[in-house]
Amino acid sequence: MALAPPRPKGPPLNALRAFEAAARLGSFAAAAEELSVTAGAISQHIKQIEGWAGTTLFVRRAQGVALTSAGRTLLAPLTLAFDNISDATSLLRTLSPKPTLNIATLPSIAQLWLQPRLAQVRAALGATSLSVYALETPPDMRRAPFDCSLFLQKPTGSTQETVLVQDSLLPVCAPSVAARLKTPQDLANETLLYDESWHDDWPIWTKAHGLSLPPSQDLARYSLYALAVADARAGFGVLMGHMPLVQNALDTGELVAPFNMPLTSDKALVLQLGQNVPQDLASLLTA
C-alpha cells in the first residue's frame, strides 16, 4: 500500500509579503498602509514567519523596529521576487481583451484638475477603459495595481516621472471678497481657508512676503480641498490656492487673485507612469 506522508509546508505567501513590505519600508505601520491591513496583522504575519524559520527577523524597540542580520539577508531576494510578481501582474492585465488604465490621484486633483480632461483622454485611449481612484498618498507603482499616479509632490527626478505643472501658492477668493481687499494686510480681517494636508500654506506664503497676520486670525480647515474651493467661490473667505487646482476657477472668473504675489512651491503636479502605459499620456493630460 502506497504511503502519502504529509509534505512540509512553506511560510504563507501573505506572511512573506508582509515581511518584505515591513523590511523595505522600515515600519510595520507603513507596511500595513501599503497592504491595506492593520499593523497588528503585519506583526502576526512576521511572527508566523519567524516561528516557521526558527529565527528572529526584526528587533522590536520602543522607537520602532530594525532588521536583524537574518532579516537583511532575506530582504533582497524577497524584494526581487515580489518585483517580478508585480511585473507579471502588470503584463497579465494588458492581456485582457478590454484593458483598463487605472489612475491613482489625490481627491482634489481628481475633482479640480483631472475631471475636465477625462473626456479627451478617454477618446484618445479608444478601447482602453479608464478608472480613477482617489488616494491620500502616492502609491508604490511597483506594488499597487495602478498604471499611473498623479499627485502634488516634490519631484524626485526619476525617469518614470513627468512634471506636468509647477505648483505655486497664491491667495484667491470670490470677486465680492476681493473688492474689499486693498492691501495684503487687509487679509487680517478675513477668514483664511486651507486644506489640513497643507496646513503650513498660509505661514509659508506670509513669511515669504514679509507679512504678519494676527494670532487670532479666523481660520477654516478642510479635509477636502475641493470643498475649500467651493467655499471660496461662495465668498466665505480667502483660500490659499494651489495654482494647478484653482487655475480653472481663475480662468472662468469664479475666483480672482486680489494680489499678484505668487510664491513658487517646492511641489509640482507629477505624473508617474508604470509599465505598459501609453507614453503619450502626459501630452494627453496637458493638451
C-alpha atoms as a PDB file:
ATOM      1  CA  MET A   1       0.000   0.000   0.000  1.00  0.00           C
ATOM      2  CA  ALA A   2       1.448   3.326  -1.097  1.00  0.00           C
ATOM      3  CA  LEU A   3       2.053   5.871   1.589  1.00  0.00           C
ATOM      4  CA  ALA A   4       1.433   9.582   1.134  1.00  0.00           C
ATOM      5  CA  PRO A   5       3.118  11.316   4.055  1.00  0.00           C
ATOM      6  CA  PRO A   6       2.227  14.972   4.535  1.00  0.00           C
ATOM      7  CA  ARG A   7       4.507  17.336   2.692  1.00  0.00           C
ATOM      8  CA  PRO A   8       6.299  20.082   4.615  1.00  0.00           C
ATOM      9  CA  LYS A   9       4.608  23.422   4.244  1.00  0.00           C
ATOM     10  CA  GLY A  10       6.380  26.680   3.432  1.00  0.00           C
ATOM     11  CA  PRO A  11       5.525  30.009   5.016  1.00  0.00           C
ATOM     12  CA  PRO A  12       2.288  31.571   3.697  1.00  0.00           C
ATOM     13  CA  LEU A  13       2.723  33.951   0.773  1.00  0.00           C
ATOM     14  CA  ASN A  14       0.830  36.719   2.581  1.00  0.00           C
ATOM     15  CA  ALA A  15       3.221  36.449   5.507  1.00  0.00           C
ATOM     16  CA  LEU A  16       6.218  36.744   3.190  1.00  0.00           C
ATOM     17  CA  ARG A  17       4.623  39.774   1.548  1.00  0.00           C
ATOM     18  CA  ALA A  18       4.061  41.357   4.957  1.00  0.00           C
ATOM     19  CA  PHE A  19       7.695  40.814   5.931  1.00  0.00           C
ATOM     20  CA  GLU A  20       9.007  42.200   2.647  1.00  0.00           C
ATOM     21  CA  ALA A  21       6.894  45.346   2.899  1.00  0.00           C
ATOM     22  CA  ALA A  22       7.804  45.956   6.546  1.00  0.00           C
ATOM     23  CA  ALA A  23      11.507  45.362   5.884  1.00  0.00           C
ATOM     24  CA  ARG A  24      11.581  47.525   2.750  1.00  0.00           C
ATOM     25  CA  LEU A  25       9.649  50.382   4.358  1.00  0.00           C
ATOM     26  CA  GLY A  26      11.240  50.028   7.795  1.00  0.00           C
ATOM     27  CA  SER A  27       7.902  50.138   9.581  1.00  0.00           C
ATOM     28  CA  PHE A  28       5.030  47.819  10.435  1.00  0.00           C
ATOM     29  CA  ALA A  29       2.614  50.761  10.163  1.00  0.00           C
ATOM     30  CA  ALA A  30       3.856  51.757   6.690  1.00  0.00           C
ATOM     31  CA  ALA A  31       3.617  48.144   5.541  1.00  0.00           C
ATOM     32  CA  ALA A  32       0.075  47.957   6.891  1.00  0.00           C
ATOM     33  CA  GLU A  33      -0.892  51.072   4.917  1.00  0.00           C
ATOM     34  CA  GLU A  34       0.643  49.710   1.716  1.00  0.00           C
ATOM     35  CA  LEU A  35      -1.073  46.344   2.059  1.00  0.00           C
ATOM     36  CA  SER A  36      -4.373  47.755   3.386  1.00  0.00           C
ATOM     37  CA  VAL A  37      -4.293  45.761   6.627  1.00  0.00           C
ATOM     38  CA  THR A  38      -3.682  46.626  10.272  1.00  0.00           C
ATOM     39  CA  ALA A  39      -0.258  46.941  11.885  1.00  0.00           C
ATOM     40  CA  GLY A  40      -1.329  44.118  14.183  1.00  0.00           C
ATOM     41  CA  ALA A  41      -1.881  41.867  11.169  1.00  0.00           C
ATOM     42  CA  ILE A  42       1.615  42.683   9.894  1.00  0.00           C
ATOM     43  CA  SER A  43       3.058  41.816  13.309  1.00  0.00           C
ATOM     44  CA  GLN A  44       1.244  38.482  13.381  1.00  0.00           C
ATOM     45  CA  HIS A  45       2.420  37.600   9.869  1.00  0.00           C
ATOM     46  CA  ILE A  46       6.029  38.301  10.800  1.00  0.00           C
ATOM     47  CA  LYS A  47       5.775  36.251  13.990  1.00  0.00           C
ATOM     48  CA  GLN A  48       4.447  33.424  11.825  1.00  0.00           C
ATOM     49  CA  ILE A  49       7.495  33.583   9.532  1.00  0.00           C
ATOM     50  CA  GLU A  50       9.894  33.847  12.462  1.00  0.00           C
ATOM     51  CA  GLY A  51       8.258  30.797  14.039  1.00  0.00           C
ATOM     52  CA  TRP A  52       8.499  28.834  10.796  1.00  0.00           C
ATOM     53  CA  ALA A  53      12.157  29.788  10.251  1.00  0.00           C
ATOM     54  CA  GLY A  54      13.122  29.496  13.891  1.00  0.00           C
ATOM     55  CA  THR A  55      14.947  32.820  13.834  1.00  0.00           C
ATOM     56  CA  THR A  56      14.255  36.460  14.662  1.00  0.00           C
ATOM     57  CA  LEU A  57      13.924  38.767  11.661  1.00  0.00           C
ATOM     58  CA  PHE A  58      13.160  42.031  13.460  1.00  0.00           C
ATOM     59  CA  VAL A  59      14.389  43.612  16.667  1.00  0.00           C
ATOM     60  CA  ARG A  60      11.413  45.287  18.375  1.00  0.00           C
ATOM     61  CA  ARG A  61      12.269  48.579  20.055  1.00  0.00           C
ATOM     62  CA  ALA A  62      10.255  51.313  21.739  1.00  0.00           C
ATOM     63  CA  GLN A  63      11.073  53.700  18.889  1.00  0.00           C
ATOM     64  CA  GLY A  64      10.362  51.214  16.112  1.00  0.00           C
ATOM     65  CA  VAL A  65      11.747  48.049  14.542  1.00  0.00           C
ATOM     66  CA  ALA A  66      15.051  47.154  12.928  1.00  0.00           C
ATOM     67  CA  LEU A  67      16.097  44.206  10.791  1.00  0.00           C
ATOM     68  CA  THR A  68      18.346  41.552  12.228  1.00  0.00           C
ATOM     69  CA  SER A  69      21.177  40.104  10.162  1.00  0.00           C
ATOM     70  CA  ALA A  70      18.856  37.259   9.109  1.00  0.00           C
ATOM     71  CA  GLY A  71      16.177  39.776   8.126  1.00  0.00           C
ATOM     72  CA  ARG A  72      18.611  41.740   5.978  1.00  0.00           C
ATOM     73  CA  THR A  73      19.702  38.541   4.252  1.00  0.00           C
ATOM     74  CA  LEU A  74      16.105  37.627   3.434  1.00  0.00           C
ATOM     75  CA  LEU A  75      15.000  41.072   2.205  1.00  0.00           C
ATOM     76  CA  ALA A  76      16.876  41.275  -1.117  1.00  0.00           C
ATOM     77  CA  PRO A  77      15.675  38.009  -2.698  1.00  0.00           C
ATOM     78  CA  LEU A  78      12.113  38.594  -1.474  1.00  0.00           C
ATOM     79  CA  THR A  79      12.040  42.112  -2.894  1.00  0.00           C
ATOM     80  CA  LEU A  80      13.251  40.790  -6.251  1.00  0.00           C
ATOM     81  CA  ALA A  81      10.640  38.032  -6.145  1.00  0.00           C
ATOM     82  CA  PHE A  82       7.743  40.393  -5.441  1.00  0.00           C
ATOM     83  CA  ASP A  83       9.025  42.849  -8.045  1.00  0.00           C
ATOM     84  CA  ASN A  84       8.867  40.029 -10.576  1.00  0.00           C
ATOM     85  CA  ILE A  85       5.360  39.107  -9.448  1.00  0.00           C
ATOM     86  CA  SER A  86       4.311  42.751  -9.870  1.00  0.00           C
ATOM     87  CA  ASP A  87       5.786  42.834 -13.371  1.00  0.00           C
ATOM     88  CA  ALA A  88       3.950  39.643 -14.277  1.00  0.00           C
ATOM     89  CA  THR A  89       0.700  41.020 -12.863  1.00  0.00           C
ATOM     90  CA  SER A  90       1.064  44.211 -14.910  1.00  0.00           C
ATOM     91  CA  LEU A  91       1.684  42.134 -18.023  1.00  0.00           C
ATOM     92  CA  LEU A  92      -1.315  39.924 -17.276  1.00  0.00           C
ATOM     93  CA  ARG A  93      -3.594  42.948 -17.057  1.00  0.00           C
ATOM     94  CA  THR A  94      -2.555  44.048 -20.560  1.00  0.00           C
ATOM     95  CA  LEU A  95      -3.658  40.679 -21.972  1.00  0.00           C
ATOM     96  CA  SER A  96      -7.301  41.375 -21.204  1.00  0.00           C
ATOM     97  CA  PRO A  97      -9.443  41.821 -24.350  1.00  0.00           C
ATOM     98  CA  LYS A  98     -10.647  45.083 -22.773  1.00  0.00           C
ATOM     99  CA  PRO A  99      -7.637  46.619 -20.984  1.00  0.00           C
ATOM    100  CA  THR A 100      -8.095  49.196 -18.229  1.00  0.00           C
ATOM    101  CA  LEU A 101      -5.920  52.179 -17.348  1.00  0.00           C
ATOM    102  CA  ASN A 102      -6.057  52.729 -13.585  1.00  0.00           C
ATOM    103  CA  ILE A 103      -5.094  56.201 -12.366  1.00  0.00           C
ATOM    104  CA  ALA A 104      -4.378  56.907  -8.693  1.00  0.00           C
ATOM    105  CA  THR A 105      -4.601  60.536  -7.687  1.00  0.00           C
ATOM    106  CA  LEU A 106      -5.284  62.949  -4.866  1.00  0.00           C
ATOM    107  CA  PRO A 107      -9.050  63.612  -4.418  1.00  0.00           C
ATOM    108  CA  SER A 108      -8.600  67.340  -5.093  1.00  0.00           C
ATOM    109  CA  ILE A 109      -6.669  66.649  -8.295  1.00  0.00           C
ATOM    110  CA  ALA A 110      -9.337  64.199  -9.439  1.00  0.00           C
ATOM    111  CA  GLN A 111     -12.097  66.756  -8.864  1.00  0.00           C
ATOM    112  CA  LEU A 112     -10.456  70.018  -9.884  1.00  0.00           C
ATOM    113  CA  TRP A 113      -7.768  69.177 -12.447  1.00  0.00           C
ATOM    114  CA  LEU A 114      -8.310  65.721 -13.915  1.00  0.00           C
ATOM    115  CA  GLN A 115     -12.080  65.605 -14.371  1.00  0.00           C
ATOM    116  CA  PRO A 116     -12.240  68.319 -17.073  1.00  0.00           C
ATOM    117  CA  ARG A 117      -9.611  66.370 -19.060  1.00  0.00           C
ATOM    118  CA  LEU A 118     -11.134  62.902 -18.795  1.00  0.00           C
ATOM    119  CA  ALA A 119     -13.279  63.121 -21.928  1.00  0.00           C
ATOM    120  CA  GLN A 120     -10.340  63.811 -24.240  1.00  0.00           C
ATOM    121  CA  VAL A 121      -8.209  61.160 -22.540  1.00  0.00           C
ATOM    122  CA  ARG A 122     -10.955  58.539 -22.903  1.00  0.00           C
ATOM    123  CA  ALA A 123     -11.387  59.459 -26.557  1.00  0.00           C
ATOM    124  CA  ALA A 124      -7.659  59.064 -27.196  1.00  0.00           C
ATOM    125  CA  LEU A 125      -7.463  55.715 -25.372  1.00  0.00           C
ATOM    126  CA  GLY A 126     -10.025  54.135 -27.665  1.00  0.00           C
ATOM    127  CA  ALA A 127     -10.929  50.640 -26.453  1.00  0.00           C
ATOM    128  CA  THR A 128      -8.997  51.030 -23.210  1.00  0.00           C
ATOM    129  CA  SER A 129     -11.240  51.655 -20.215  1.00  0.00           C
ATOM    130  CA  LEU A 130     -10.249  54.413 -17.769  1.00  0.00           C
ATOM    131  CA  SER A 131     -10.701  54.201 -13.990  1.00  0.00           C
ATOM    132  CA  VAL A 132      -9.761  56.835 -11.403  1.00  0.00           C
ATOM    133  CA  TYR A 133      -9.021  56.079  -7.731  1.00  0.00           C
ATOM    134  CA  ALA A 134      -8.695  58.770  -5.068  1.00  0.00           C
ATOM    135  CA  LEU A 135      -5.814  58.228  -2.628  1.00  0.00           C
ATOM    136  CA  GLU A 136      -4.233  60.468   0.003  1.00  0.00           C
ATOM    137  CA  THR A 137      -0.634  59.403  -0.678  1.00  0.00           C
ATOM    138  CA  PRO A 138       1.184  58.310  -3.843  1.00  0.00           C
ATOM    139  CA  PRO A 139       1.232  54.522  -4.235  1.00  0.00           C
ATOM    140  CA  ASP A 140       4.301  52.416  -4.874  1.00  0.00           C
ATOM    141  CA  MET A 141       3.895  51.894  -8.608  1.00  0.00           C
ATOM    142  CA  ARG A 142       5.763  48.577  -8.480  1.00  0.00           C
ATOM    143  CA  ARG A 143       3.362  47.110  -5.916  1.00  0.00           C
ATOM    144  CA  ALA A 144      -0.036  48.755  -6.286  1.00  0.00           C
ATOM    145  CA  PRO A 145      -2.491  47.795  -9.074  1.00  0.00           C
ATOM    146  CA  PHE A 146      -2.266  51.216 -10.722  1.00  0.00           C
ATOM    147  CA  ASP A 147      -0.863  52.150 -14.112  1.00  0.00           C
ATOM    148  CA  CYS A 148      -0.057  55.729 -13.247  1.00  0.00           C
ATOM    149  CA  SER A 149      -0.361  58.228 -10.416  1.00  0.00           C
ATOM    150  CA  LEU A 150      -0.940  61.970 -10.345  1.00  0.00           C
ATOM    151  CA  PHE A 151      -0.004  63.898  -7.192  1.00  0.00           C
ATOM    152  CA  LEU A 152       1.179  67.275  -5.953  1.00  0.00           C
ATOM    153  CA  GLN A 153       4.601  66.350  -4.636  1.00  0.00           C
ATOM    154  CA  LYS A 154       8.277  67.180  -4.718  1.00  0.00           C
ATOM    155  CA  PRO A 155       9.743  65.848  -7.982  1.00  0.00           C
ATOM    156  CA  THR A 156      12.441  63.238  -7.459  1.00  0.00           C
ATOM    157  CA  GLY A 157      13.991  63.393 -10.914  1.00  0.00           C
ATOM    158  CA  SER A 158      13.056  59.787 -11.658  1.00  0.00           C
ATOM    159  CA  THR A 159      12.827  58.803 -15.322  1.00  0.00           C
ATOM    160  CA  GLN A 160       9.349  57.464 -14.535  1.00  0.00           C
ATOM    161  CA  GLU A 161       8.169  60.950 -13.570  1.00  0.00           C
ATOM    162  CA  THR A 162       6.834  63.745 -15.737  1.00  0.00           C
ATOM    163  CA  VAL A 163       6.286  67.182 -14.225  1.00  0.00           C
ATOM    164  CA  LEU A 164       3.026  68.422 -15.738  1.00  0.00           C
ATOM    165  CA  VAL A 165       2.590  71.738 -13.922  1.00  0.00           C
ATOM    166  CA  GLN A 166       4.773  73.572 -11.417  1.00  0.00           C
ATOM    167  CA  ASP A 167       2.841  74.455  -8.277  1.00  0.00           C
ATOM    168  CA  SER A 168       2.701  77.935  -6.781  1.00  0.00           C
ATOM    169  CA  LEU A 169       0.807  79.445  -3.856  1.00  0.00           C
ATOM    170  CA  LEU A 170      -1.453  82.457  -4.288  1.00  0.00           C
ATOM    171  CA  PRO A 171      -4.408  83.763  -2.237  1.00  0.00           C
ATOM    172  CA  VAL A 172      -7.674  83.539  -4.188  1.00  0.00           C
ATOM    173  CA  CYS A 173     -11.244  84.494  -3.355  1.00  0.00           C
ATOM    174  CA  ALA A 174     -14.602  85.432  -4.812  1.00  0.00           C
ATOM    175  CA  PRO A 175     -14.757  88.802  -6.646  1.00  0.00           C
ATOM    176  CA  SER A 176     -17.027  90.176  -3.901  1.00  0.00           C
ATOM    177  CA  VAL A 177     -14.365  89.466  -1.284  1.00  0.00           C
ATOM    178  CA  ALA A 178     -11.535  90.779  -3.460  1.00  0.00           C
ATOM    179  CA  ALA A 179     -13.350  94.119  -3.768  1.00  0.00           C
ATOM    180  CA  ARG A 180     -12.673  94.909  -0.107  1.00  0.00           C
ATOM    181  CA  LEU A 181      -9.021  93.821  -0.129  1.00  0.00           C
ATOM    182  CA  LYS A 182      -6.851  96.843  -0.888  1.00  0.00           C
ATOM    183  CA  THR A 183      -3.538  95.642   0.591  1.00  0.00           C
ATOM    184  CA  PRO A 184      -2.252  92.260   1.784  1.00  0.00           C
ATOM    185  CA  GLN A 185      -2.658  93.423   5.410  1.00  0.00           C
ATOM    186  CA  ASP A 186      -6.423  93.518   4.807  1.00  0.00           C
ATOM    187  CA  LEU A 187      -6.273  89.722   4.910  1.00  0.00           C
ATOM    188  CA  ALA A 188      -6.231  90.086   8.716  1.00  0.00           C
ATOM    189  CA  ASN A 189      -9.954  90.885   8.543  1.00  0.00           C
ATOM    190  CA  GLU A 190     -10.881  87.815   6.504  1.00  0.00           C
ATOM    191  CA  THR A 191     -11.374  84.123   7.211  1.00  0.00           C
ATOM    192  CA  LEU A 192      -8.434  82.174   5.819  1.00  0.00           C
ATOM    193  CA  LEU A 193      -9.284  78.845   4.179  1.00  0.00           C
ATOM    194  CA  TYR A 194      -6.870  75.948   3.790  1.00  0.00           C
ATOM    195  CA  ASP A 195      -6.600  72.189   3.498  1.00  0.00           C
ATOM    196  CA  GLU A 196      -5.430  70.274   6.581  1.00  0.00           C
ATOM    197  CA  SER A 197      -2.933  68.371   4.430  1.00  0.00           C
ATOM    198  CA  TRP A 198      -1.269  71.680   3.595  1.00  0.00           C
ATOM    199  CA  HIS A 199      -1.662  73.373   6.979  1.00  0.00           C
ATOM    200  CA  ASP A 200       1.530  75.403   6.548  1.00  0.00           C
ATOM    201  CA  ASP A 201       0.484  77.071   3.265  1.00  0.00           C
ATOM    202  CA  TRP A 202      -0.501  80.390   4.834  1.00  0.00           C
ATOM    203  CA  PRO A 203       2.555  80.643   7.139  1.00  0.00           C
ATOM    204  CA  ILE A 204       4.874  79.844   4.208  1.00  0.00           C
ATOM    205  CA  TRP A 205       3.281  82.454   1.944  1.00  0.00           C
ATOM    206  CA  THR A 206       3.075  85.234   4.547  1.00  0.00           C
ATOM    207  CA  LYS A 207       6.650  84.665   5.728  1.00  0.00           C
ATOM    208  CA  ALA A 208       7.971  84.742   2.153  1.00  0.00           C
ATOM    209  CA  HIS A 209       6.303  88.118   1.599  1.00  0.00           C
ATOM    210  CA  GLY A 210       7.246  89.599   4.970  1.00  0.00           C
ATOM    211  CA  LEU A 211       3.663  89.738   6.186  1.00  0.00           C
ATOM    212  CA  SER A 212       2.329  89.207   9.683  1.00  0.00           C
ATOM    213  CA  LEU A 213      -1.200  88.085  10.404  1.00  0.00           C
ATOM    214  CA  PRO A 214      -2.733  88.223  13.906  1.00  0.00           C
ATOM    215  CA  PRO A 215      -2.685  85.072  16.090  1.00  0.00           C
ATOM    216  CA  SER A 216      -6.448  85.463  16.483  1.00  0.00           C
ATOM    217  CA  GLN A 217      -6.984  85.203  12.725  1.00  0.00           C
ATOM    218  CA  ASP A 218     -10.212  83.435  11.754  1.00  0.00           C
ATOM    219  CA  LEU A 219      -9.373  80.119  10.093  1.00  0.00           C
ATOM    220  CA  ALA A 220     -11.413  77.436   8.358  1.00  0.00           C
ATOM    221  CA  ARG A 221      -9.845  73.994   7.908  1.00  0.00           C
ATOM    222  CA  TYR A 222     -10.929  71.375   5.383  1.00  0.00           C
ATOM    223  CA  SER A 223     -10.079  67.751   4.773  1.00  0.00           C
ATOM    224  CA  LEU A 224     -11.261  68.149   1.175  1.00  0.00           C
ATOM    225  CA  TYR A 225      -9.571  70.881  -0.840  1.00  0.00           C
ATOM    226  CA  ALA A 226     -12.426  70.914  -3.350  1.00  0.00           C
ATOM    227  CA  LEU A 227     -14.786  71.925  -0.531  1.00  0.00           C
ATOM    228  CA  ALA A 228     -12.444  74.759   0.439  1.00  0.00           C
ATOM    229  CA  VAL A 229     -12.501  75.915  -3.188  1.00  0.00           C
ATOM    230  CA  ALA A 230     -16.304  75.785  -3.184  1.00  0.00           C
ATOM    231  CA  ASP A 231     -16.466  77.917  -0.032  1.00  0.00           C
ATOM    232  CA  ALA A 232     -14.023  80.387  -1.542  1.00  0.00           C
ATOM    233  CA  ARG A 233     -16.251  80.652  -4.619  1.00  0.00           C
ATOM    234  CA  ALA A 234     -19.205  81.298  -2.302  1.00  0.00           C
ATOM    235  CA  GLY A 235     -17.393  84.216  -0.667  1.00  0.00           C
ATOM    236  CA  PHE A 236     -16.814  82.591   2.714  1.00  0.00           C
ATOM    237  CA  GLY A 237     -13.162  83.607   2.907  1.00  0.00           C
ATOM    238  CA  VAL A 238      -9.780  83.728   1.204  1.00  0.00           C
ATOM    239  CA  LEU A 239      -8.223  80.441   0.122  1.00  0.00           C
ATOM    240  CA  MET A 240      -4.526  79.767  -0.223  1.00  0.00           C
ATOM    241  CA  GLY A 241      -4.675  78.494  -3.747  1.00  0.00           C
ATOM    242  CA  HIS A 242      -2.508  75.828  -5.327  1.00  0.00           C
ATOM    243  CA  MET A 243      -2.384  77.087  -8.889  1.00  0.00           C
ATOM    244  CA  PRO A 244      -2.911  73.763 -10.713  1.00  0.00           C
ATOM    245  CA  LEU A 245      -6.086  73.264  -8.657  1.00  0.00           C
ATOM    246  CA  VAL A 246      -7.581  76.755  -8.862  1.00  0.00           C
ATOM    247  CA  GLN A 247      -6.469  77.803 -12.357  1.00  0.00           C
ATOM    248  CA  ASN A 248      -9.765  76.742 -13.949  1.00  0.00           C
ATOM    249  CA  ALA A 249     -11.778  78.827 -11.458  1.00  0.00           C
ATOM    250  CA  LEU A 250      -9.475  81.791 -12.105  1.00  0.00           C
ATOM    251  CA  ASP A 251      -9.945  81.388 -15.870  1.00  0.00           C
ATOM    252  CA  THR A 252     -13.742  81.422 -15.509  1.00  0.00           C
ATOM    253  CA  GLY A 253     -13.712  84.362 -13.089  1.00  0.00           C
ATOM    254  CA  GLU A 254     -15.345  82.416 -10.262  1.00  0.00           C
ATOM    255  CA  LEU A 255     -12.206  83.153  -8.262  1.00  0.00           C
ATOM    256  CA  VAL A 256      -9.795  86.041  -8.529  1.00  0.00           C
ATOM    257  CA  ALA A 257      -6.336  86.721  -7.128  1.00  0.00           C
ATOM    258  CA  PRO A 258      -6.579  90.008  -5.179  1.00  0.00           C
ATOM    259  CA  PHE A 259      -2.790  90.348  -5.053  1.00  0.00           C
ATOM    260  CA  ASN A 260      -0.312  89.413  -7.769  1.00  0.00           C
ATOM    261  CA  MET A 261       2.053  87.820  -5.291  1.00  0.00           C
ATOM    262  CA  PRO A 262       2.533  84.149  -6.270  1.00  0.00           C
ATOM    263  CA  LEU A 263       5.079  82.041  -4.440  1.00  0.00           C
ATOM    264  CA  THR A 264       6.666  79.154  -6.310  1.00  0.00           C
ATOM    265  CA  SER A 265       6.171  75.951  -4.329  1.00  0.00           C
ATOM    266  CA  ASP A 266       8.606  73.073  -3.930  1.00  0.00           C
ATOM    267  CA  LYS A 267       5.827  70.830  -5.275  1.00  0.00           C
ATOM    268  CA  ALA A 268       4.587  70.119  -8.761  1.00  0.00           C
ATOM    269  CA  LEU A 269       1.821  68.133 -10.379  1.00  0.00           C
ATOM    270  CA  VAL A 270       3.787  64.947 -11.045  1.00  0.00           C
ATOM    271  CA  LEU A 271       2.688  62.077 -13.286  1.00  0.00           C
ATOM    272  CA  GLN A 272       4.295  58.727 -12.514  1.00  0.00           C
ATOM    273  CA  LEU A 273       3.983  56.025 -15.142  1.00  0.00           C
ATOM    274  CA  GLY A 274       4.018  52.326 -14.501  1.00  0.00           C
ATOM    275  CA  GLN A 275       4.861  49.705 -17.085  1.00  0.00           C
ATOM    276  CA  ASN A 276       2.806  49.190 -20.239  1.00  0.00           C
ATOM    277  CA  VAL A 277       1.330  52.708 -20.069  1.00  0.00           C
ATOM    278  CA  PRO A 278       0.861  54.865 -23.198  1.00  0.00           C
ATOM    279  CA  GLN A 279       3.902  57.123 -23.235  1.00  0.00           C
ATOM    280  CA  ASP A 280       1.855  59.976 -24.703  1.00  0.00           C
ATOM    281  CA  LEU A 281      -0.400  60.109 -21.611  1.00  0.00           C
ATOM    282  CA  ALA A 282       1.440  63.171 -20.309  1.00  0.00           C
ATOM    283  CA  SER A 283       0.795  65.072 -23.539  1.00  0.00           C
ATOM    284  CA  LEU A 284      -2.861  63.989 -23.472  1.00  0.00           C
ATOM    285  CA  LEU A 285      -3.281  65.365 -19.950  1.00  0.00           C
ATOM    286  CA  THR A 286      -1.653  68.700 -20.752  1.00  0.00           C
ATOM    287  CA  ALA A 287      -3.253  69.224 -24.165  1.00  0.00           C
END
